[in-house]
Every structure is written in C-alpha cells, then in structure tokens.
N, C-alpha and C. Protein backbone atom coordinates (compact mmCIF):
# COMPACT_ATOMS: atom_id res chain seq x y z
N MET A 1 -6.77 30.37 27.90
CA MET A 1 -5.39 30.02 27.80
C MET A 1 -5.11 29.56 26.37
N LYS A 2 -3.98 29.92 25.84
CA LYS A 2 -3.63 29.53 24.49
C LYS A 2 -2.42 28.60 24.53
N TYR A 3 -2.45 27.58 23.68
CA TYR A 3 -1.34 26.66 23.52
C TYR A 3 -1.02 26.53 22.04
N THR A 4 0.25 26.42 21.73
CA THR A 4 0.66 26.11 20.37
C THR A 4 0.52 24.60 20.18
N VAL A 5 -0.05 24.20 19.05
CA VAL A 5 -0.16 22.78 18.73
C VAL A 5 0.47 22.53 17.37
N VAL A 6 0.92 21.31 17.17
CA VAL A 6 1.52 20.90 15.91
C VAL A 6 0.60 19.85 15.31
N ILE A 7 0.15 20.09 14.08
CA ILE A 7 -0.78 19.18 13.41
C ILE A 7 -0.08 18.55 12.21
N LYS A 8 -0.19 17.24 12.10
CA LYS A 8 0.41 16.52 10.97
C LYS A 8 -0.67 15.66 10.31
N ALA A 9 -0.80 15.83 9.00
CA ALA A 9 -1.75 15.03 8.23
C ALA A 9 -1.08 13.74 7.79
N SER A 10 -1.87 12.66 7.73
CA SER A 10 -1.39 11.38 7.22
C SER A 10 -2.53 10.70 6.47
N ASP A 11 -2.28 9.54 5.94
CA ASP A 11 -3.32 8.80 5.23
C ASP A 11 -4.46 8.38 6.16
N GLU A 12 -4.17 8.27 7.46
CA GLU A 12 -5.16 7.82 8.44
C GLU A 12 -5.91 8.96 9.11
N GLY A 13 -5.51 10.21 8.88
CA GLY A 13 -6.16 11.35 9.51
C GLY A 13 -5.14 12.37 9.95
N TYR A 14 -5.28 12.87 11.18
CA TYR A 14 -4.42 13.92 11.69
C TYR A 14 -3.92 13.56 13.08
N SER A 15 -2.64 13.81 13.30
CA SER A 15 -2.10 13.71 14.66
C SER A 15 -1.84 15.14 15.12
N ILE A 16 -1.95 15.35 16.41
CA ILE A 16 -1.81 16.70 16.95
C ILE A 16 -1.13 16.60 18.31
N ALA A 17 -0.18 17.50 18.56
CA ALA A 17 0.56 17.49 19.81
C ALA A 17 0.68 18.90 20.35
N CYS A 18 0.86 18.99 21.66
CA CYS A 18 1.06 20.26 22.34
C CYS A 18 2.49 20.25 22.91
N PRO A 19 3.45 20.87 22.21
CA PRO A 19 4.85 20.82 22.64
C PRO A 19 5.09 21.34 24.06
N ALA A 20 4.27 22.26 24.53
CA ALA A 20 4.46 22.82 25.88
C ALA A 20 4.12 21.81 26.98
N LEU A 21 3.39 20.75 26.61
CA LEU A 21 2.99 19.74 27.58
C LEU A 21 3.53 18.38 27.11
N PRO A 22 4.71 18.00 27.56
CA PRO A 22 5.34 16.76 27.08
C PRO A 22 4.43 15.55 27.20
N GLY A 23 4.32 14.82 26.10
CA GLY A 23 3.49 13.63 26.07
C GLY A 23 2.01 13.89 25.81
N CYS A 24 1.65 15.15 25.63
CA CYS A 24 0.24 15.49 25.39
C CYS A 24 0.00 15.54 23.89
N TRP A 25 -0.69 14.53 23.39
CA TRP A 25 -0.98 14.44 21.97
C TRP A 25 -2.31 13.74 21.76
N SER A 26 -2.85 13.83 20.57
CA SER A 26 -4.08 13.15 20.23
C SER A 26 -4.13 12.98 18.72
N GLN A 27 -5.28 12.57 18.23
CA GLN A 27 -5.46 12.36 16.80
C GLN A 27 -6.93 12.48 16.45
N GLY A 28 -7.21 12.48 15.17
CA GLY A 28 -8.59 12.53 14.69
C GLY A 28 -8.65 12.23 13.21
N LYS A 29 -9.81 11.83 12.74
CA LYS A 29 -9.99 11.54 11.31
C LYS A 29 -9.96 12.82 10.50
N THR A 30 -10.43 13.93 11.11
CA THR A 30 -10.38 15.24 10.46
C THR A 30 -9.57 16.19 11.33
N GLU A 31 -9.16 17.30 10.74
CA GLU A 31 -8.42 18.29 11.53
C GLU A 31 -9.28 18.82 12.67
N GLU A 32 -10.55 19.05 12.40
CA GLU A 32 -11.46 19.56 13.43
C GLU A 32 -11.59 18.56 14.59
N GLU A 33 -11.68 17.28 14.27
CA GLU A 33 -11.77 16.25 15.30
C GLU A 33 -10.48 16.19 16.11
N ALA A 34 -9.34 16.31 15.44
CA ALA A 34 -8.05 16.29 16.13
C ALA A 34 -7.94 17.47 17.09
N VAL A 35 -8.36 18.66 16.66
CA VAL A 35 -8.31 19.84 17.52
C VAL A 35 -9.23 19.65 18.73
N ALA A 36 -10.44 19.16 18.51
CA ALA A 36 -11.35 18.91 19.63
C ALA A 36 -10.74 17.90 20.60
N ASN A 37 -10.08 16.89 20.06
CA ASN A 37 -9.47 15.87 20.91
C ASN A 37 -8.28 16.40 21.70
N ILE A 38 -7.49 17.31 21.11
CA ILE A 38 -6.35 17.85 21.86
C ILE A 38 -6.83 18.78 22.96
N VAL A 39 -7.93 19.46 22.75
CA VAL A 39 -8.49 20.30 23.82
C VAL A 39 -8.80 19.42 25.03
N GLU A 40 -9.45 18.30 24.79
CA GLU A 40 -9.76 17.37 25.88
C GLU A 40 -8.49 16.80 26.50
N ALA A 41 -7.50 16.47 25.68
CA ALA A 41 -6.24 15.93 26.19
C ALA A 41 -5.52 16.96 27.06
N ILE A 42 -5.55 18.23 26.66
CA ILE A 42 -4.91 19.29 27.46
C ILE A 42 -5.63 19.44 28.80
N GLN A 43 -6.95 19.40 28.78
CA GLN A 43 -7.71 19.50 30.03
C GLN A 43 -7.39 18.32 30.95
N ASP A 44 -7.32 17.13 30.39
CA ASP A 44 -6.98 15.95 31.20
C ASP A 44 -5.56 16.05 31.73
N TYR A 45 -4.64 16.53 30.92
CA TYR A 45 -3.24 16.71 31.32
C TYR A 45 -3.16 17.66 32.51
N GLN A 46 -3.82 18.81 32.38
CA GLN A 46 -3.79 19.80 33.46
C GLN A 46 -4.41 19.25 34.74
N ALA A 47 -5.50 18.52 34.63
CA ALA A 47 -6.14 17.94 35.80
C ALA A 47 -5.21 16.95 36.49
N ALA A 48 -4.51 16.14 35.70
CA ALA A 48 -3.58 15.16 36.27
C ALA A 48 -2.42 15.85 36.98
N VAL A 49 -1.90 16.92 36.39
CA VAL A 49 -0.80 17.65 37.02
C VAL A 49 -1.28 18.27 38.33
N LEU A 50 -2.43 18.92 38.31
CA LEU A 50 -2.95 19.54 39.54
C LEU A 50 -3.22 18.49 40.61
N ASP A 51 -3.65 17.31 40.21
CA ASP A 51 -3.90 16.25 41.18
C ASP A 51 -2.63 15.83 41.91
N THR A 52 -1.50 15.88 41.22
CA THR A 52 -0.24 15.50 41.87
C THR A 52 0.18 16.54 42.91
N PHE A 53 -0.36 17.75 42.83
CA PHE A 53 -0.03 18.82 43.77
C PHE A 53 -1.19 19.15 44.71
N LYS A 54 -2.16 18.24 44.83
CA LYS A 54 -3.36 18.56 45.61
C LYS A 54 -3.07 18.86 47.08
N ASN A 55 -1.97 18.35 47.61
CA ASN A 55 -1.62 18.62 49.01
C ASN A 55 -0.59 19.73 49.15
N GLU A 56 -0.30 20.41 48.06
CA GLU A 56 0.69 21.48 48.06
C GLU A 56 -0.01 22.82 47.85
N GLN A 57 0.67 23.87 48.25
CA GLN A 57 0.16 25.21 48.00
C GLN A 57 0.60 25.62 46.60
N TYR A 58 -0.33 26.05 45.78
CA TYR A 58 -0.01 26.49 44.43
C TYR A 58 -0.94 27.62 44.04
N ARG A 59 -0.58 28.32 43.00
CA ARG A 59 -1.45 29.38 42.48
C ARG A 59 -1.31 29.43 40.98
N GLU A 60 -2.30 30.00 40.35
CA GLU A 60 -2.29 30.18 38.91
C GLU A 60 -1.85 31.60 38.60
N ILE A 61 -1.01 31.75 37.59
CA ILE A 61 -0.60 33.08 37.15
C ILE A 61 -0.78 33.18 35.65
N GLU A 62 -0.92 34.38 35.18
CA GLU A 62 -1.04 34.62 33.74
C GLU A 62 0.26 35.25 33.26
N ILE A 63 0.78 34.72 32.18
CA ILE A 63 2.03 35.22 31.61
C ILE A 63 1.73 35.75 30.21
N ALA A 64 2.06 36.99 29.97
CA ALA A 64 1.87 37.58 28.65
C ALA A 64 3.23 37.72 27.98
N ILE A 65 3.31 37.26 26.77
CA ILE A 65 4.56 37.35 26.03
C ILE A 65 4.38 38.29 24.86
C-alpha cells in the first residue's frame, strides 16, 4: 500500500505526516528515522481503526488511480 507523506525539516529534525490519515504523524532526528517512524504510526493507525470495527463485517479493497 502506498501513502503520500509530508516531510518538514526543522532545527530539531524532521516531522512527517500522512494527510490521508487524519492525526497520523511522527518525527525523527533524520529523514530516514522519520520515515521509519511514520511507517509504524500508519500500521498502528490502521490497527486501531480495524479494532473499532472488529464486530462489523468489512473487507479490504484495492483502488488504483
């Protein structure tokens, strides 16, 4: 799965956000660390969303643009 992320450099390192997942952001001292951290944040975000629907019927679909 691919997600667009926004990376911003600052004096303290890098902040990174995933606009498709509101509130999903992370940071790191290096760009590589920030990217690794957002991958984990996206996985945690998805797990939390799926947990809220654990008693519901759902399915995964692939969308190509």
